[in-house]
Amino acid sequence: MIVNILDTKNSLLNKFISEIRDVTTQKDSMRFRRNIERIGEILSYELSQSLDYESKTVTTPLGTKNVQVPKNDIVLCSILRAGLPLHTGLLNYFDDSENAFISAYRKHINETDFEIKVEYFASPSLEGKTLILADPMLATGQSLVSVFEGLKKHGTPKEIYLACVIGSTEAIELIEKHFPESTKLWIATVDDKLNDKGYIVPGLGDAGDLAYGTKL
């Protein structure tokens, strides 16, 4: 797997990352969603440099111009519900993509142990296409692995990109074992630790709750 961590270089991205982590700024759920969306846009731009391109002739009012444009047949797939703002950011840039949505959640067996339940799929065919699988929180990595297994019945993608906001080193090591070697991961920032409940430390908390309110 090819891993691209974006905050290793100084850019405006770091401002958005600092705000989604900050406990005071997090109180503004609209700003939290918008910052996740903006991070999705930055991930899209960076990721786009790895796509396939072809020449297109554009007619202007004064002549013609050849321009290199992406030629990939893209499917954006996001994990509900936390993935919605990130999906919006990706879709702002890959606006002619097909879309897929999947639900995945932690079903707790006890206070510290859980299993990933995947219950809802809405996806076009993935056969021969470029799959961009988006998940803002790459904590244990189990959700992405479970979702990837569930997507296999929709066809075999030509290539796979993973777009994430924040992850753990442990999760990256796990998904490297389950995704094809050619998979490319684009992630805004990475933390080294998980706590005993499988949450990223220092992380940012529960992205779904911060974006849409706490759940029962």
Protein backbone atom coordinates (compact mmCIF):
# COMPACT_ATOMS: atom_id res chain seq x y z
CA MET A 1 0.00 0.00 0.00
CA ILE A 2 1.15 3.51 -0.83
CA VAL A 3 0.55 5.81 2.18
CA ASN A 4 0.35 9.59 1.73
CA ILE A 5 0.16 11.64 4.97
CA LEU A 6 -0.62 15.25 4.11
CA ASP A 7 0.23 17.12 7.32
CA THR A 8 3.91 16.22 7.00
CA LYS A 9 4.12 19.41 4.91
CA ASN A 10 3.00 22.81 6.16
CA SER A 11 -0.16 24.04 4.45
CA LEU A 12 -3.58 25.54 5.19
CA LEU A 13 -4.75 21.96 5.85
CA ASN A 14 -3.15 22.17 9.30
CA LYS A 15 -5.51 24.99 10.30
CA PHE A 16 -8.55 22.85 9.52
CA ILE A 17 -7.04 19.87 11.37
CA SER A 18 -6.35 22.02 14.44
CA GLU A 19 -9.96 23.25 14.49
CA ILE A 20 -11.58 19.80 14.23
CA ARG A 21 -9.37 18.66 17.15
CA ASP A 22 -9.98 21.71 19.35
CA VAL A 23 -12.59 21.06 22.08
CA THR A 24 -13.78 24.67 21.98
CA THR A 25 -14.12 24.98 18.19
CA GLN A 26 -15.81 21.56 18.10
CA LYS A 27 -18.83 23.06 19.83
CA ASP A 28 -19.78 24.65 16.50
CA SER A 29 -21.06 21.58 14.65
CA MET A 30 -21.58 23.52 11.42
CA ARG A 31 -17.92 24.60 11.43
CA PHE A 32 -16.86 21.04 12.25
CA ARG A 33 -18.78 19.69 9.24
CA ARG A 34 -17.42 22.42 6.99
CA ASN A 35 -13.85 21.75 8.07
CA ILE A 36 -14.24 18.02 7.35
CA GLU A 37 -15.66 19.01 3.96
CA ARG A 38 -12.70 21.32 3.26
CA ILE A 39 -10.26 18.58 4.24
CA GLY A 40 -12.10 16.35 1.76
CA GLU A 41 -11.52 18.94 -0.94
CA ILE A 42 -7.80 19.05 -0.16
CA LEU A 43 -7.61 15.25 -0.19
CA SER A 44 -9.36 15.32 -3.57
CA TYR A 45 -6.86 17.72 -5.07
CA GLU A 46 -3.87 15.75 -3.81
CA LEU A 47 -5.38 12.43 -4.85
CA SER A 48 -6.24 13.75 -8.31
CA GLN A 49 -2.56 13.97 -9.19
CA SER A 50 -2.41 10.16 -9.21
CA LEU A 51 -5.32 9.65 -11.62
CA ASP A 52 -5.12 8.89 -15.34
CA TYR A 53 -5.39 11.80 -17.76
CA GLU A 54 -6.23 12.32 -21.42
CA SER A 55 -6.12 15.29 -23.79
CA LYS A 56 -9.37 17.16 -24.50
CA THR A 57 -9.81 19.96 -27.02
CA VAL A 58 -11.76 22.87 -25.58
CA THR A 59 -13.32 25.53 -27.81
CA THR A 60 -13.08 29.08 -26.44
CA PRO A 61 -14.64 32.24 -27.91
CA LEU A 62 -11.28 32.94 -29.61
CA GLY A 63 -9.98 29.51 -30.58
CA THR A 64 -9.20 26.06 -29.22
CA LYS A 65 -6.95 24.69 -26.47
CA ASN A 66 -5.84 21.18 -25.55
CA VAL A 67 -6.27 20.42 -21.85
CA GLN A 68 -5.33 17.33 -19.81
CA VAL A 69 -8.39 16.06 -17.92
CA PRO A 70 -8.99 12.98 -15.73
CA LYS A 71 -10.42 9.97 -17.53
CA ASN A 72 -11.11 7.69 -14.55
CA ASP A 73 -14.59 6.24 -14.05
CA ILE A 74 -14.91 7.09 -10.35
CA VAL A 75 -17.20 5.74 -7.65
CA LEU A 76 -17.16 7.60 -4.32
CA CYS A 77 -18.13 5.35 -1.42
CA SER A 78 -18.65 6.69 2.10
CA ILE A 79 -19.47 5.08 5.43
CA LEU A 80 -22.56 6.48 7.15
CA ARG A 81 -23.05 8.69 9.08
CA ALA A 82 -19.72 10.31 9.93
CA GLY A 83 -18.56 10.06 6.33
CA LEU A 84 -21.19 12.43 4.91
CA PRO A 85 -19.27 15.74 5.28
CA LEU A 86 -16.12 14.11 3.88
CA HIS A 87 -18.17 12.70 0.99
CA THR A 88 -19.48 16.19 0.24
CA GLY A 89 -15.93 17.55 0.05
CA LEU A 90 -14.86 14.78 -2.33
CA LEU A 91 -17.97 15.21 -4.45
CA ASN A 92 -17.34 18.96 -4.73
CA TYR A 93 -14.26 18.08 -6.78
CA PHE A 94 -15.21 14.73 -8.33
CA ASP A 95 -18.62 16.09 -9.25
CA ASP A 96 -19.33 13.66 -12.09
CA SER A 97 -18.67 10.55 -10.01
CA GLU A 98 -21.08 7.77 -9.19
CA ASN A 99 -21.84 7.37 -5.50
CA ALA A 100 -22.16 4.53 -3.00
CA PHE A 101 -23.13 4.54 0.68
CA ILE A 102 -22.65 1.90 3.35
CA SER A 103 -23.54 1.77 7.02
CA ALA A 104 -20.99 0.39 9.48
CA TYR A 105 -21.04 0.69 13.23
CA ARG A 106 -19.48 -0.75 16.36
CA LYS A 107 -21.69 -3.30 18.13
CA HIS A 108 -20.23 -3.52 21.61
CA ILE A 109 -19.93 -6.94 23.24
CA ASN A 110 -18.71 -5.37 26.48
CA GLU A 111 -17.10 -2.09 27.54
CA THR A 112 -13.94 -2.60 25.48
CA ASP A 113 -14.70 -5.31 22.88
CA PHE A 114 -16.82 -4.78 19.78
CA GLU A 115 -17.55 -6.12 16.32
CA ILE A 116 -18.24 -4.16 13.16
CA LYS A 117 -21.76 -4.53 11.79
CA VAL A 118 -22.37 -3.65 8.13
CA GLU A 119 -26.08 -3.54 7.32
CA TYR A 120 -26.87 -1.20 4.41
CA PHE A 121 -25.46 -1.08 0.90
CA ALA A 122 -26.35 1.26 -1.96
CA SER A 123 -23.75 0.97 -4.69
CA PRO A 124 -23.40 0.93 -8.48
CA SER A 125 -21.22 -1.67 -10.15
CA LEU A 126 -17.56 -1.29 -9.19
CA GLU A 127 -16.27 -3.51 -11.98
CA GLY A 128 -13.24 -1.93 -13.66
CA LYS A 129 -13.80 1.45 -11.98
CA THR A 130 -11.76 3.69 -9.70
CA LEU A 131 -13.08 3.27 -6.16
CA ILE A 132 -12.51 6.09 -3.68
CA LEU A 133 -13.47 4.73 -0.27
CA ALA A 134 -13.90 7.52 2.27
CA ASP A 135 -13.94 7.23 6.06
CA PRO A 136 -13.02 10.22 8.26
CA MET A 137 -11.90 8.12 11.25
CA LEU A 138 -9.44 5.29 10.65
CA ALA A 139 -9.20 4.12 14.27
CA THR A 140 -8.80 0.34 14.41
CA GLY A 141 -9.22 -0.10 10.64
CA GLN A 142 -11.83 -2.81 11.15
CA SER A 143 -14.65 -0.76 9.58
CA LEU A 144 -12.77 -0.24 6.32
CA VAL A 145 -11.84 -3.91 6.15
CA SER A 146 -15.46 -5.01 6.77
CA VAL A 147 -16.80 -2.53 4.22
CA PHE A 148 -14.25 -3.64 1.62
CA GLU A 149 -15.32 -7.26 2.08
CA GLY A 150 -18.96 -6.25 1.65
CA LEU A 151 -18.23 -4.25 -1.51
CA LYS A 152 -16.67 -7.22 -3.29
CA LYS A 153 -20.06 -8.47 -4.44
CA HIS A 154 -20.46 -5.26 -6.48
CA GLY A 155 -17.48 -6.04 -8.72
CA THR A 156 -13.70 -5.70 -8.76
CA PRO A 157 -12.41 -2.12 -9.03
CA LYS A 158 -9.57 -1.29 -11.39
CA GLU A 159 -7.90 0.62 -8.55
CA ILE A 160 -8.64 1.65 -4.98
CA TYR A 161 -8.00 4.92 -3.18
CA LEU A 162 -8.70 5.45 0.52
CA ALA A 163 -9.48 8.98 1.72
CA CYS A 164 -9.36 9.58 5.47
CA VAL A 165 -9.11 12.57 7.80
CA ILE A 166 -7.40 11.04 10.83
CA GLY A 167 -6.07 7.59 11.59
CA SER A 168 -3.86 5.51 13.83
CA THR A 169 -0.64 3.76 12.98
CA GLU A 170 -2.24 0.48 14.10
CA ALA A 171 -5.12 0.88 11.65
CA ILE A 172 -2.81 1.58 8.73
CA GLU A 173 -0.86 -1.58 9.54
CA LEU A 174 -4.12 -3.58 9.60
CA ILE A 175 -5.55 -2.36 6.30
CA GLU A 176 -2.21 -2.96 4.58
CA LYS A 177 -2.82 -6.66 5.25
CA HIS A 178 -6.34 -6.71 3.76
CA PHE A 179 -6.31 -4.34 0.79
CA PRO A 180 -4.52 -4.94 -2.53
CA GLU A 181 -0.88 -3.90 -2.56
CA SER A 182 -1.60 -1.25 -5.19
CA THR A 183 -4.10 0.56 -2.92
CA LYS A 184 -3.29 4.22 -2.25
CA LEU A 185 -4.15 5.81 1.10
CA TRP A 186 -4.51 9.59 1.35
CA ILE A 187 -4.88 10.74 4.95
CA ALA A 188 -4.70 14.20 6.48
CA THR A 189 -3.03 13.24 9.78
CA VAL A 190 -1.99 10.18 11.81
CA ASP A 191 -1.73 9.59 15.58
CA ASP A 192 0.27 6.76 17.14
CA LYS A 193 -2.05 5.53 19.90
CA LEU A 194 -5.45 3.94 20.55
CA ASN A 195 -7.01 3.77 24.00
CA ASP A 196 -8.50 0.59 25.50
CA LYS A 197 -11.82 1.32 23.79
CA GLY A 198 -10.28 1.58 20.33
CA TYR A 199 -10.45 5.36 19.98
CA ILE A 200 -7.63 7.45 18.52
CA VAL A 201 -5.49 9.37 21.05
CA PRO A 202 -5.28 12.36 21.04
CA GLY A 203 -7.66 12.11 18.05
CA LEU A 204 -10.70 14.34 18.07
CA GLY A 205 -13.55 12.33 19.59
CA ASP A 206 -16.56 10.87 17.76
CA ALA A 207 -16.78 12.53 14.32
CA GLY A 208 -20.39 11.47 13.79
CA ASP A 209 -21.53 12.96 17.10
CA LEU A 210 -19.56 16.15 16.54
CA ALA A 211 -21.09 16.59 13.08
CA TYR A 212 -24.69 15.56 13.76
CA GLY A 213 -25.27 15.28 17.50
CA THR A 214 -24.98 12.51 20.04
CA LYS A 215 -26.82 9.22 19.52
CA LEU A 216 -28.53 6.89 21.96
